[in-house]
């Protein structure tokens, strides 16, 4: 329950323009994969969820820069994490911002590289 409360506070700060959230574009694919696992979700429901995310005001980054991709690769090796998770960490590092996760194991590994908060 604490995670939800903290996440809602972060969302409120985002809506009030008190913070900026940067996400790699792979968040769209991750959301799609999560929604696909819910058989009751209709086309309209899924479209609404994507619209909600895109209308939040988060900044979505494509990883087209070979340096960022190589840095994500290196971080994935150094921290023994997935390349996907490393993309979030490298984006936080690039933007000099905190990385927020609900994953305890990822939190422990990421804190060796960036400022990180655990939901």
PDB file of N, CA and C in Angstrom:
ATOM      1  N   UNK A   1       0.810  -1.187   0.000  1.00  0.00           N
ATOM      2  CA  UNK A   1       0.000   0.000   0.000  1.00  0.00           C
ATOM      3  C   UNK A   1       0.861   1.263   0.000  1.00  0.00           C
ATOM      4  N   UNK A   2       2.023   1.170   0.690  1.00  0.00           N
ATOM      5  CA  UNK A   2       2.929   2.319   0.730  1.00  0.00           C
ATOM      6  C   UNK A   2       3.408   2.670  -0.674  1.00  0.00           C
ATOM      7  N   UNK A   3       3.672   1.645  -1.497  1.00  0.00           N
ATOM      8  CA  UNK A   3       4.126   1.884  -2.876  1.00  0.00           C
ATOM      9  C   UNK A   3       3.096   2.695  -3.651  1.00  0.00           C
ATOM     10  N   UNK A   4       1.833   2.321  -3.536  1.00  0.00           N
ATOM     11  CA  UNK A   4       0.771   3.022  -4.256  1.00  0.00           C
ATOM     12  C   UNK A   4       0.676   4.466  -3.782  1.00  0.00           C
ATOM     13  N   UNK A   5       0.752   4.662  -2.476  1.00  0.00           N
ATOM     14  CA  UNK A   5       0.684   6.006  -1.911  1.00  0.00           C
ATOM     15  C   UNK A   5       1.830   6.874  -2.432  1.00  0.00           C
ATOM     16  N   UNK A   6       3.031   6.328  -2.447  1.00  0.00           N
ATOM     17  CA  UNK A   6       4.190   7.072  -2.937  1.00  0.00           C
ATOM     18  C   UNK A   6       4.054   7.346  -4.430  1.00  0.00           C
ATOM     19  N   UNK A   7       3.606   6.360  -5.184  1.00  0.00           N
ATOM     20  CA  UNK A   7       3.424   6.544  -6.628  1.00  0.00           C
ATOM     21  C   UNK A   7       2.392   7.628  -6.915  1.00  0.00           C
ATOM     22  N   UNK A   8       1.319   7.661  -6.146  1.00  0.00           N
ATOM     23  CA  UNK A   8       0.295   8.686  -6.344  1.00  0.00           C
ATOM     24  C   UNK A   8       0.824  10.082  -6.004  1.00  0.00           C
ATOM     25  N   UNK A   9       1.690  10.172  -5.001  1.00  0.00           N
ATOM     26  CA  UNK A   9       2.308  11.458  -4.664  1.00  0.00           C
ATOM     27  C   UNK A   9       3.214  11.927  -5.805  1.00  0.00           C
ATOM     28  N   UNK A  10       3.939  11.006  -6.390  1.00  0.00           N
ATOM     29  CA  UNK A  10       4.804  11.350  -7.520  1.00  0.00           C
ATOM     30  C   UNK A  10       3.952  11.823  -8.690  1.00  0.00           C
ATOM     31  N   UNK A  11       2.864  11.112  -8.955  1.00  0.00           N
ATOM     32  CA  UNK A  11       1.973  11.511 -10.053  1.00  0.00           C
ATOM     33  C   UNK A  11       1.408  12.908  -9.806  1.00  0.00           C
ATOM     34  N   UNK A  12       1.024  13.192  -8.573  1.00  0.00           N
ATOM     35  CA  UNK A  12       0.486  14.515  -8.245  1.00  0.00           C
ATOM     36  C   UNK A  12       1.526  15.608  -8.497  1.00  0.00           C
ATOM     37  N   UNK A  13       2.762  15.342  -8.098  1.00  0.00           N
ATOM     38  CA  UNK A  13       3.833  16.326  -8.333  1.00  0.00           C
ATOM     39  C   UNK A  13       4.062  16.524  -9.823  1.00  0.00           C
ATOM     40  N   UNK A  14       3.942  15.470 -10.600  1.00  0.00           N
ATOM     41  CA  UNK A  14       4.097  15.567 -12.048  1.00  0.00           C
ATOM     42  C   UNK A  14       2.993  16.435 -12.639  1.00  0.00           C
ATOM     43  N   UNK A  15       1.764  16.168 -12.240  1.00  0.00           N
ATOM     44  CA  UNK A  15       0.607  16.912 -12.749  1.00  0.00           C
ATOM     45  C   UNK A  15       0.707  18.392 -12.376  1.00  0.00           C
ATOM     46  N   UNK A  16       1.260  18.681 -11.201  1.00  0.00           N
ATOM     47  CA  UNK A  16       1.412  20.065 -10.743  1.00  0.00           C
ATOM     48  C   UNK A  16       2.690  20.723 -11.285  1.00  0.00           C
ATOM     49  N   UNK A  17       3.379  20.019 -12.178  1.00  0.00           N
ATOM     50  CA  UNK A  17       4.628  20.507 -12.773  1.00  0.00           C
ATOM     51  C   UNK A  17       5.710  20.791 -11.733  1.00  0.00           C
ATOM     52  N   UNK A  18       5.696  20.031 -10.649  1.00  0.00           N
ATOM     53  CA  UNK A  18       6.725  20.172  -9.625  1.00  0.00           C
ATOM     54  C   UNK A  18       7.937  19.299  -9.927  1.00  0.00           C
ATOM     55  N   UNK A  19       7.730  18.295 -10.751  1.00  0.00           N
ATOM     56  CA  UNK A  19       8.822  17.408 -11.153  1.00  0.00           C
ATOM     57  C   UNK A  19       8.691  17.106 -12.645  1.00  0.00           C
ATOM     58  N   UNK A  20       9.784  16.617 -13.206  1.00  0.00           N
ATOM     59  CA  UNK A  20       9.812  16.145 -14.592  1.00  0.00           C
ATOM     60  C   UNK A  20      10.189  14.667 -14.550  1.00  0.00           C
ATOM     61  N   UNK A  21       9.483  13.871 -15.312  1.00  0.00           N
ATOM     62  CA  UNK A  21       9.794  12.442 -15.388  1.00  0.00           C
ATOM     63  C   UNK A  21      10.267  12.120 -16.794  1.00  0.00           C
ATOM     64  N   UNK A  22      11.430  11.475 -16.865  1.00  0.00           N
ATOM     65  CA  UNK A  22      12.012  11.031 -18.128  1.00  0.00           C
ATOM     66  C   UNK A  22      11.890   9.513 -18.193  1.00  0.00           C
ATOM     67  N   UNK A  23      11.411   9.018 -19.323  1.00  0.00           N
ATOM     68  CA  UNK A  23      11.259   7.578 -19.520  1.00  0.00           C
ATOM     69  C   UNK A  23      11.814   7.182 -20.886  1.00  0.00           C
ATOM     70  N   UNK A  24      12.427   6.003 -20.970  1.00  0.00           N
ATOM     71  CA  UNK A  24      12.813   5.513 -22.293  1.00  0.00           C
ATOM     72  C   UNK A  24      11.559   5.051 -23.043  1.00  0.00           C
ATOM     73  N   UNK A  25      11.600   5.115 -24.355  1.00  0.00           N
ATOM     74  CA  UNK A  25      10.423   4.750 -25.152  1.00  0.00           C
ATOM     75  C   UNK A  25       9.997   3.301 -24.932  1.00  0.00           C
ATOM     76  N   UNK A  26      10.873   2.487 -24.400  1.00  0.00           N
ATOM     77  CA  UNK A  26      10.484   1.103 -24.164  1.00  0.00           C
ATOM     78  C   UNK A  26       9.374   0.987 -23.125  1.00  0.00           C
ATOM     79  N   UNK A  27       9.091   2.062 -22.385  1.00  0.00           N
ATOM     80  CA  UNK A  27       7.971   2.052 -21.442  1.00  0.00           C
ATOM     81  C   UNK A  27       6.656   1.752 -22.179  1.00  0.00           C
ATOM     82  N   UNK A  28       6.553   2.187 -23.424  1.00  0.00           N
ATOM     83  CA  UNK A  28       5.336   1.944 -24.200  1.00  0.00           C
ATOM     84  C   UNK A  28       5.156   0.451 -24.480  1.00  0.00           C
ATOM     85  N   UNK A  29       6.253  -0.222 -24.760  1.00  0.00           N
ATOM     86  CA  UNK A  29       6.197  -1.659 -25.029  1.00  0.00           C
ATOM     87  C   UNK A  29       5.952  -2.435 -23.741  1.00  0.00           C
ATOM     88  N   UNK A  30       6.538  -1.956 -22.646  1.00  0.00           N
ATOM     89  CA  UNK A  30       6.308  -2.615 -21.361  1.00  0.00           C
ATOM     90  C   UNK A  30       4.841  -2.473 -20.935  1.00  0.00           C
ATOM     91  N   UNK A  31       4.285  -1.288 -21.128  1.00  0.00           N
ATOM     92  CA  UNK A  31       2.868  -1.096 -20.814  1.00  0.00           C
ATOM     93  C   UNK A  31       2.000  -2.008 -21.678  1.00  0.00           C
ATOM     94  N   UNK A  32       2.311  -2.083 -22.960  1.00  0.00           N
ATOM     95  CA  UNK A  32       1.558  -2.967 -23.852  1.00  0.00           C
ATOM     96  C   UNK A  32       1.619  -4.416 -23.411  1.00  0.00           C
ATOM     97  N   UNK A  33       2.782  -4.863 -22.976  1.00  0.00           N
ATOM     98  CA  UNK A  33       2.941  -6.247 -22.511  1.00  0.00           C
ATOM     99  C   UNK A  33       2.137  -6.501 -21.246  1.00  0.00           C
ATOM    100  N   UNK A  34       2.134  -5.527 -20.347  1.00  0.00           N
ATOM    101  CA  UNK A  34       1.364  -5.671 -19.107  1.00  0.00           C
ATOM    102  C   UNK A  34      -0.127  -5.720 -19.420  1.00  0.00           C
ATOM    103  N   UNK A  35      -0.579  -4.815 -20.259  1.00  0.00           N
ATOM    104  CA  UNK A  35      -2.009  -4.759 -20.594  1.00  0.00           C
ATOM    105  C   UNK A  35      -2.471  -6.015 -21.328  1.00  0.00           C
ATOM    106  N   UNK A  36      -1.588  -6.595 -22.119  1.00  0.00           N
ATOM    107  CA  UNK A  36      -1.939  -7.799 -22.860  1.00  0.00           C
ATOM    108  C   UNK A  36      -2.277  -8.957 -21.930  1.00  0.00           C
ATOM    109  N   UNK A  37      -1.697  -8.958 -20.742  1.00  0.00           N
ATOM    110  CA  UNK A  37      -1.930 -10.044 -19.780  1.00  0.00           C
ATOM    111  C   UNK A  37      -3.284  -9.941 -19.091  1.00  0.00           C
ATOM    112  N   UNK A  38      -4.014  -8.865 -19.340  1.00  0.00           N
ATOM    113  CA  UNK A  38      -5.326  -8.677 -18.738  1.00  0.00           C
ATOM    114  C   UNK A  38      -6.394  -8.948 -19.802  1.00  0.00           C
ATOM    115  N   UNK A  39      -6.935 -10.165 -19.808  1.00  0.00           N
ATOM    116  CA  UNK A  39      -7.878 -10.549 -20.873  1.00  0.00           C
ATOM    117  C   UNK A  39      -9.152  -9.714 -20.907  1.00  0.00           C
ATOM    118  N   UNK A  40      -9.501  -9.053 -19.810  1.00  0.00           N
ATOM    119  CA  UNK A  40     -10.734  -8.263 -19.782  1.00  0.00           C
ATOM    120  C   UNK A  40     -10.551  -6.891 -20.437  1.00  0.00           C
ATOM    121  N   UNK A  41      -9.310  -6.521 -20.751  1.00  0.00           N
ATOM    122  CA  UNK A  41      -9.052  -5.205 -21.355  1.00  0.00           C
ATOM    123  C   UNK A  41      -9.496  -5.207 -22.809  1.00  0.00           C
ATOM    124  N   UNK A  42     -10.302  -4.229 -23.148  1.00  0.00           N
ATOM    125  CA  UNK A  42     -10.754  -4.083 -24.528  1.00  0.00           C
ATOM    126  C   UNK A  42      -9.790  -3.171 -25.287  1.00  0.00           C
ATOM    127  N   UNK A  43      -9.964  -3.103 -26.565  1.00  0.00           N
ATOM    128  CA  UNK A  43      -9.190  -2.191 -27.415  1.00  0.00           C
ATOM    129  C   UNK A  43      -9.308  -0.769 -26.878  1.00  0.00           C
ATOM    130  N   UNK A  44     -10.532  -0.362 -26.536  1.00  0.00           N
ATOM    131  CA  UNK A  44     -10.772   0.993 -26.046  1.00  0.00           C
ATOM    132  C   UNK A  44     -10.082   1.239 -24.706  1.00  0.00           C
ATOM    133  N   UNK A  45     -10.108   0.225 -23.823  1.00  0.00           N
ATOM    134  CA  UNK A  45      -9.426   0.334 -22.528  1.00  0.00           C
ATOM    135  C   UNK A  45      -7.923   0.555 -22.723  1.00  0.00           C
ATOM    136  N   UNK A  46      -7.346  -0.256 -23.590  1.00  0.00           N
ATOM    137  CA  UNK A  46      -5.904  -0.185 -23.826  1.00  0.00           C
ATOM    138  C   UNK A  46      -5.534   1.157 -24.436  1.00  0.00           C
ATOM    139  N   UNK A  47      -6.315   1.594 -25.402  1.00  0.00           N
ATOM    140  CA  UNK A  47      -6.065   2.901 -26.017  1.00  0.00           C
ATOM    141  C   UNK A  47      -6.111   4.004 -24.964  1.00  0.00           C
ATOM    142  N   UNK A  48      -7.082   3.923 -24.064  1.00  0.00           N
ATOM    143  CA  UNK A  48      -7.217   4.926 -23.000  1.00  0.00           C
ATOM    144  C   UNK A  48      -6.006   4.913 -22.067  1.00  0.00           C
ATOM    145  N   UNK A  49      -5.484   3.728 -21.760  1.00  0.00           N
ATOM    146  CA  UNK A  49      -4.298   3.639 -20.901  1.00  0.00           C
ATOM    147  C   UNK A  49      -3.081   4.281 -21.577  1.00  0.00           C
ATOM    148  N   UNK A  50      -2.919   4.009 -22.867  1.00  0.00           N
ATOM    149  CA  UNK A  50      -1.803   4.640 -23.591  1.00  0.00           C
ATOM    150  C   UNK A  50      -1.985   6.161 -23.635  1.00  0.00           C
ATOM    151  N   UNK A  51      -3.200   6.607 -23.888  1.00  0.00           N
ATOM    152  CA  UNK A  51      -3.472   8.050 -23.912  1.00  0.00           C
ATOM    153  C   UNK A  51      -3.184   8.675 -22.554  1.00  0.00           C
ATOM    154  N   UNK A  52      -3.580   7.993 -21.483  1.00  0.00           N
ATOM    155  CA  UNK A  52      -3.318   8.500 -20.131  1.00  0.00           C
ATOM    156  C   UNK A  52      -1.821   8.679 -19.900  1.00  0.00           C
ATOM    157  N   UNK A  53      -1.042   7.678 -20.273  1.00  0.00           N
ATOM    158  CA  UNK A  53       0.412   7.778 -20.093  1.00  0.00           C
ATOM    159  C   UNK A  53       0.973   8.934 -20.923  1.00  0.00           C
ATOM    160  N   UNK A  54       0.580   8.992 -22.178  1.00  0.00           N
ATOM    161  CA  UNK A  54       1.127  10.016 -23.069  1.00  0.00           C
ATOM    162  C   UNK A  54       0.674  11.423 -22.688  1.00  0.00           C
ATOM    163  N   UNK A  55      -0.469  11.543 -22.022  1.00  0.00           N
ATOM    164  CA  UNK A  55      -0.982  12.850 -21.607  1.00  0.00           C
ATOM    165  C   UNK A  55      -0.501  13.283 -20.227  1.00  0.00           C
ATOM    166  N   UNK A  56       0.256  12.435 -19.549  1.00  0.00           N
ATOM    167  CA  UNK A  56       0.745  12.781 -18.215  1.00  0.00           C
ATOM    168  C   UNK A  56       1.775  13.912 -18.246  1.00  0.00           C
ATOM    169  N   UNK A  57       2.426  14.067 -19.367  1.00  0.00           N
ATOM    170  CA  UNK A  57       3.464  15.091 -19.436  1.00  0.00           C
ATOM    171  C   UNK A  57       4.856  14.544 -19.191  1.00  0.00           C
ATOM    172  N   UNK A  58       4.989  13.227 -19.191  1.00  0.00           N
ATOM    173  CA  UNK A  58       6.326  12.648 -19.061  1.00  0.00           C
ATOM    174  C   UNK A  58       7.082  12.871 -20.366  1.00  0.00           C
ATOM    175  N   UNK A  59       8.387  12.904 -20.269  1.00  0.00           N
ATOM    176  CA  UNK A  59       9.224  13.058 -21.461  1.00  0.00           C
ATOM    177  C   UNK A  59       9.718  11.668 -21.848  1.00  0.00           C
ATOM    178  N   UNK A  60       9.369  11.249 -23.044  1.00  0.00           N
ATOM    179  CA  UNK A  60       9.745   9.918 -23.523  1.00  0.00           C
ATOM    180  C   UNK A  60      10.908  10.061 -24.495  1.00  0.00           C
ATOM    181  N   UNK A  61      11.980   9.332 -24.207  1.00  0.00           N
ATOM    182  CA  UNK A  61      13.212   9.417 -24.988  1.00  0.00           C
ATOM    183  C   UNK A  61      13.427   8.155 -25.824  1.00  0.00           C
ATOM    184  N   UNK A  62      13.762   8.355 -27.088  1.00  0.00           N
ATOM    185  CA  UNK A  62      14.230   7.251 -27.917  1.00  0.00           C
ATOM    186  C   UNK A  62      15.722   7.098 -27.682  1.00  0.00           C
ATOM    187  N   UNK A  63      16.173   5.892 -27.655  1.00  0.00           N
ATOM    188  CA  UNK A  63      17.596   5.623 -27.488  1.00  0.00           C
ATOM    189  C   UNK A  63      18.212   5.422 -28.869  1.00  0.00           C
ATOM    190  N   UNK A  64      18.464   6.523 -29.567  1.00  0.00           N
ATOM    191  CA  UNK A  64      19.071   6.449 -30.897  1.00  0.00           C
ATOM    192  C   UNK A  64      20.550   6.794 -30.864  1.00  0.00           C
ATOM    193  N   UNK A  65      21.036   7.187 -29.717  1.00  0.00           N
ATOM    194  CA  UNK A  65      22.418   7.600 -29.544  1.00  0.00           C
ATOM    195  C   UNK A  65      23.282   6.367 -29.245  1.00  0.00           C
ATOM    196  N   UNK A  66      24.256   6.071 -30.096  1.00  0.00           N
ATOM    197  CA  UNK A  66      25.100   4.902 -29.858  1.00  0.00           C
ATOM    198  C   UNK A  66      25.821   4.939 -28.512  1.00  0.00           C
ATOM    199  N   UNK A  67      26.171   6.135 -28.033  1.00  0.00           N
ATOM    200  CA  UNK A  67      26.834   6.238 -26.733  1.00  0.00           C
ATOM    201  C   UNK A  67      25.898   5.806 -25.608  1.00  0.00           C
ATOM    202  N   UNK A  68      24.642   6.255 -25.672  1.00  0.00           N
ATOM    203  CA  UNK A  68      23.685   5.869 -24.630  1.00  0.00           C
ATOM    204  C   UNK A  68      23.424   4.366 -24.669  1.00  0.00           C
ATOM    205  N   UNK A  69      23.307   3.828 -25.861  1.00  0.00           N
ATOM    206  CA  UNK A  69      23.092   2.387 -25.992  1.00  0.00           C
ATOM    207  C   UNK A  69      24.289   1.605 -25.459  1.00  0.00           C
ATOM    208  N   UNK A  70      25.481   2.055 -25.790  1.00  0.00           N
ATOM    209  CA  UNK A  70      26.691   1.386 -25.299  1.00  0.00           C
ATOM    210  C   UNK A  70      26.801   1.525 -23.778  1.00  0.00           C
ATOM    211  N   UNK A  71      26.444   2.703 -23.259  1.00  0.00           N
ATOM    212  CA  UNK A  71      26.469   2.891 -21.803  1.00  0.00           C
ATOM    213  C   UNK A  71      25.457   1.993 -21.116  1.00  0.00           C
ATOM    214  N   UNK A  72      24.290   1.821 -21.718  1.00  0.00           N
ATOM    215  CA  UNK A  72      23.282   0.915 -21.151  1.00  0.00           C
ATOM    216  C   UNK A  72      23.798  -0.522 -21.180  1.00  0.00           C
ATOM    217  N   UNK A  73      24.435  -0.889 -22.266  1.00  0.00           N
ATOM    218  CA  UNK A  73      25.018  -2.224 -22.369  1.00  0.00           C
ATOM    219  C   UNK A  73      26.045  -2.440 -21.257  1.00  0.00           C
ATOM    220  N   UNK A  74      26.935  -1.459 -21.084  1.00  0.00           N
ATOM    221  CA  UNK A  74      27.988  -1.586 -20.075  1.00  0.00           C
ATOM    222  C   UNK A  74      27.389  -1.636 -18.670  1.00  0.00           C
ATOM    223  N   UNK A  75      26.389  -0.795 -18.411  1.00  0.00           N
ATOM    224  CA  UNK A  75      25.735  -0.809 -17.097  1.00  0.00           C
ATOM    225  C   UNK A  75      25.055  -2.153 -16.845  1.00  0.00           C
ATOM    226  N   UNK A  76      24.459  -2.725 -17.890  1.00  0.00           N
ATOM    227  CA  UNK A  76      23.795  -4.022 -17.711  1.00  0.00           C
ATOM    228  C   UNK A  76      24.812  -5.091 -17.318  1.00  0.00           C
ATOM    229  N   UNK A  77      25.999  -5.017 -17.890  1.00  0.00           N
ATOM    230  CA  UNK A  77      27.057  -5.969 -17.534  1.00  0.00           C
ATOM    231  C   UNK A  77      27.616  -5.683 -16.148  1.00  0.00           C
ATOM    232  N   UNK A  78      27.930  -4.410 -15.898  1.00  0.00           N
ATOM    233  CA  UNK A  78      28.545  -4.041 -14.620  1.00  0.00           C
ATOM    234  C   UNK A  78      27.637  -4.322 -13.430  1.00  0.00           C
ATOM    235  N   UNK A  79      26.343  -4.066 -13.600  1.00  0.00           N
ATOM    236  CA  UNK A  79      25.397  -4.216 -12.498  1.00  0.00           C
ATOM    237  C   UNK A  79      24.672  -5.563 -12.508  1.00  0.00           C
ATOM    238  N   UNK A  80      24.914  -6.353 -13.553  1.00  0.00           N
ATOM    239  CA  UNK A  80      24.262  -7.647 -13.721  1.00  0.00           C
ATOM    240  C   UNK A  80      22.739  -7.503 -13.712  1.00  0.00           C
ATOM    241  N   UNK A  81      22.269  -6.622 -14.612  1.00  0.00           N
ATOM    242  CA  UNK A  81      20.840  -6.358 -14.763  1.00  0.00           C
ATOM    243  C   UNK A  81      20.487  -6.468 -16.239  1.00  0.00           C
ATOM    244  N   UNK A  82      19.201  -6.438 -16.546  1.00  0.00           N
ATOM    245  CA  UNK A  82      18.801  -6.510 -17.946  1.00  0.00           C
ATOM    246  C   UNK A  82      19.182  -5.216 -18.672  1.00  0.00           C
ATOM    247  N   UNK A  83      19.340  -5.315 -19.953  1.00  0.00           N
ATOM    248  CA  UNK A  83      19.606  -4.139 -20.778  1.00  0.00           C
ATOM    249  C   UNK A  83      18.456  -3.147 -20.635  1.00  0.00           C
ATOM    250  N   UNK A  84      17.224  -3.677 -20.567  1.00  0.00           N
ATOM    251  CA  UNK A  84      16.042  -2.822 -20.425  1.00  0.00           C
ATOM    252  C   UNK A  84      16.133  -1.976 -19.152  1.00  0.00           C
ATOM    253  N   UNK A  85      16.432  -2.626 -18.021  1.00  0.00           N
ATOM    254  CA  UNK A  85      16.557  -1.887 -16.761  1.00  0.00           C
ATOM    255  C   UNK A  85      17.707  -0.887 -16.826  1.00  0.00           C
ATOM    256  N   UNK A  86      18.777  -1.269 -17.486  1.00  0.00           N
ATOM    257  CA  UNK A  86      19.931  -0.377 -17.602  1.00  0.00           C
ATOM    258  C   UNK A  86      19.576   0.891 -18.374  1.00  0.00           C
ATOM    259  N   UNK A  87      18.658   0.801 -19.328  1.00  0.00           N
ATOM    260  CA  UNK A  87      18.245   1.990 -20.084  1.00  0.00           C
ATOM    261  C   UNK A  87      17.634   3.036 -19.157  1.00  0.00           C
ATOM    262  N   UNK A  88      16.845   2.604 -18.197  1.00  0.00           N
ATOM    263  CA  UNK A  88      16.251   3.544 -17.232  1.00  0.00           C
ATOM    264  C   UNK A  88      17.352   4.209 -16.403  1.00  0.00           C
ATOM    265  N   UNK A  89      18.319   3.429 -15.988  1.00  0.00           N
ATOM    266  CA  UNK A  89      19.404   3.953 -15.151  1.00  0.00           C
ATOM    267  C   UNK A  89      20.273   4.935 -15.925  1.00  0.00           C
ATOM    268  N   UNK A  90      20.601   4.606 -17.152  1.00  0.00           N
ATOM    269  CA  UNK A  90      21.421   5.498 -17.980  1.00  0.00           C
ATOM    270  C   UNK A  90      20.668   6.785 -18.275  1.00  0.00           C
ATOM    271  N   UNK A  91      19.373   6.697 -18.478  1.00  0.00           N
ATOM    272  CA  UNK A  91      18.570   7.900 -18.709  1.00  0.00           C
ATOM    273  C   UNK A  91      18.579   8.792 -17.464  1.00  0.00           C
ATOM    274  N   UNK A  92      18.461   8.194 -16.288  1.00  0.00           N
ATOM    275  CA  UNK A  92      18.531   8.967 -15.039  1.00  0.00           C
ATOM    276  C   UNK A  92      19.908   9.614 -14.902  1.00  0.00           C
ATOM    277  N   UNK A  93      20.929   8.868 -15.214  1.00  0.00           N
ATOM    278  CA  UNK A  93      22.296   9.401 -15.136  1.00  0.00           C
ATOM    279  C   UNK A  93      22.479  10.568 -16.105  1.00  0.00           C
ATOM    280  N   UNK A  94      22.026  10.403 -17.328  1.00  0.00           N
ATOM    281  CA  UNK A  94      22.161  11.445 -18.347  1.00  0.00           C
ATOM    282  C   UNK A  94      21.444  12.726 -17.930  1.00  0.00           C
ATOM    283  N   UNK A  95      20.266  12.582 -17.335  1.00  0.00           N
ATOM    284  CA  UNK A  95      19.459  13.744 -16.953  1.00  0.00           C
ATOM    285  C   UNK A  95      19.758  14.234 -15.531  1.00  0.00           C
ATOM    286  N   UNK A  96      20.740  13.598 -14.898  1.00  0.00           N
ATOM    287  CA  UNK A  96      21.112  13.969 -13.525  1.00  0.00           C
ATOM    288  C   UNK A  96      19.879  13.992 -12.616  1.00  0.00           C
ATOM    289  N   UNK A  97      19.111  12.926 -12.734  1.00  0.00           N
ATOM    290  CA  UNK A  97      17.885  12.810 -11.961  1.00  0.00           C
ATOM    291  C   UNK A  97      17.877  11.495 -11.192  1.00  0.00           C
ATOM    292  N   UNK A  98      16.963  11.400 -10.260  1.00  0.00           N
ATOM    293  CA  UNK A  98      16.839  10.176  -9.471  1.00  0.00           C
ATOM    294  C   UNK A  98      16.147   9.088 -10.296  1.00  0.00           C
ATOM    295  N   UNK A  99      16.503   7.878 -10.010  1.00  0.00           N
ATOM    296  CA  UNK A  99      15.857   6.706 -10.593  1.00  0.00           C
ATOM    297  C   UNK A  99      14.936   6.147  -9.520  1.00  0.00           C
ATOM    298  N   UNK A 100      13.689   5.891  -9.870  1.00  0.00           N
ATOM    299  CA  UNK A 100      12.709   5.383  -8.904  1.00  0.00           C
ATOM    300  C   UNK A 100      12.272   4.005  -9.356  1.00  0.00           C
ATOM    301  N   UNK A 101      12.289   3.056  -8.432  1.00  0.00           N
ATOM    302  CA  UNK A 101      11.898   1.688  -8.749  1.00  0.00           C
ATOM    303  C   UNK A 101      11.175   1.057  -7.565  1.00  0.00           C
ATOM    304  N   UNK A 102      10.345   0.082  -7.849  1.00  0.00           N
ATOM    305  CA  UNK A 102       9.690  -0.709  -6.807  1.00  0.00           C
ATOM    306  C   UNK A 102      10.389  -2.054  -6.644  1.00  0.00           C
ATOM    307  N   UNK A 103      11.433  -2.283  -7.411  1.00  0.00           N
ATOM    308  CA  UNK A 103      12.166  -3.544  -7.426  1.00  0.00           C
ATOM    309  C   UNK A 103      13.348  -3.450  -6.451  1.00  0.00           C
ATOM    310  N   UNK A 104      13.254  -4.154  -5.334  1.00  0.00           N
ATOM    311  CA  UNK A 104      14.282  -4.094  -4.289  1.00  0.00           C
ATOM    312  C   UNK A 104      15.659  -4.497  -4.814  1.00  0.00           C
ATOM    313  N   UNK A 105      15.711  -5.567  -5.593  1.00  0.00           N
ATOM    314  CA  UNK A 105      16.995  -6.037  -6.117  1.00  0.00           C
ATOM    315  C   UNK A 105      17.596  -5.009  -7.078  1.00  0.00           C
ATOM    316  N   UNK A 106      16.779  -4.447  -7.945  1.00  0.00           N
ATOM    317  CA  UNK A 106      17.267  -3.425  -8.867  1.00  0.00           C
ATOM    318  C   UNK A 106      17.711  -2.183  -8.098  1.00  0.00           C
ATOM    319  N   UNK A 107      16.971  -1.825  -7.068  1.00  0.00           N
ATOM    320  CA  UNK A 107      17.338  -0.692  -6.217  1.00  0.00           C
ATOM    321  C   UNK A 107      18.751  -0.881  -5.661  1.00  0.00           C
ATOM    322  N   UNK A 108      19.013  -2.055  -5.111  1.00  0.00           N
ATOM    323  CA  UNK A 108      20.329  -2.332  -4.522  1.00  0.00           C
ATOM    324  C   UNK A 108      21.450  -2.218  -5.557  1.00  0.00           C
ATOM    325  N   UNK A 109      21.191  -2.697  -6.741  1.00  0.00           N
ATOM    326  CA  UNK A 109      22.220  -2.654  -7.794  1.00  0.00           C
ATOM    327  C   UNK A 109      22.374  -1.246  -8.365  1.00  0.00           C
ATOM    328  N   UNK A 110      21.257  -0.562  -8.600  1.00  0.00           N
ATOM    329  CA  UNK A 110      21.287   0.762  -9.234  1.00  0.00           C
ATOM    330  C   UNK A 110      21.974   1.801  -8.358  1.00  0.00           C
ATOM    331  N   UNK A 111      21.884   1.659  -7.051  1.00  0.00           N
ATOM    332  CA  UNK A 111      22.461   2.670  -6.170  1.00  0.00           C
ATOM    333  C   UNK A 111      23.973   2.747  -6.261  1.00  0.00           C
ATOM    334  N   UNK A 112      24.574   1.772  -6.902  1.00  0.00           N
ATOM    335  CA  UNK A 112      26.023   1.839  -7.141  1.00  0.00           C
ATOM    336  C   UNK A 112      26.345   2.815  -8.271  1.00  0.00           C
ATOM    337  N   UNK A 113      25.326   3.206  -9.047  1.00  0.00           N
ATOM    338  CA  UNK A 113      25.562   4.028 -10.227  1.00  0.00           C
ATOM    339  C   UNK A 113      24.855   5.374 -10.189  1.00  0.00           C
ATOM    340  N   UNK A 114      23.629   5.440  -9.666  1.00  0.00           N
ATOM    341  CA  UNK A 114      22.832   6.680  -9.681  1.00  0.00           C
ATOM    342  C   UNK A 114      22.116   6.856  -8.344  1.00  0.00           C
ATOM    343  N   UNK A 115      21.596   8.062  -8.156  1.00  0.00           N
ATOM    344  CA  UNK A 115      20.714   8.300  -7.020  1.00  0.00           C
ATOM    345  C   UNK A 115      19.439   7.521  -7.298  1.00  0.00           C
ATOM    346  N   UNK A 116      18.985   6.756  -6.329  1.00  0.00           N
ATOM    347  CA  UNK A 116      17.820   5.905  -6.553  1.00  0.00           C
ATOM    348  C   UNK A 116      16.918   5.925  -5.322  1.00  0.00           C
ATOM    349  N   UNK A 117      15.618   5.853  -5.570  1.00  0.00           N
ATOM    350  CA  UNK A 117      14.634   5.772  -4.492  1.00  0.00           C
ATOM    351  C   UNK A 117      13.810   4.512  -4.689  1.00  0.00           C
ATOM    352  N   UNK A 118      13.489   3.880  -3.582  1.00  0.00           N
ATOM    353  CA  UNK A 118      12.668   2.675  -3.608  1.00  0.00           C
ATOM    354  C   UNK A 118      11.244   3.036  -3.247  1.00  0.00           C
ATOM    355  N   UNK A 119      10.299   2.666  -4.107  1.00  0.00           N
ATOM    356  CA  UNK A 119       8.881   2.902  -3.798  1.00  0.00           C
ATOM    357  C   UNK A 119       8.454   2.026  -2.636  1.00  0.00           C
TER     358      UNK A 119
END
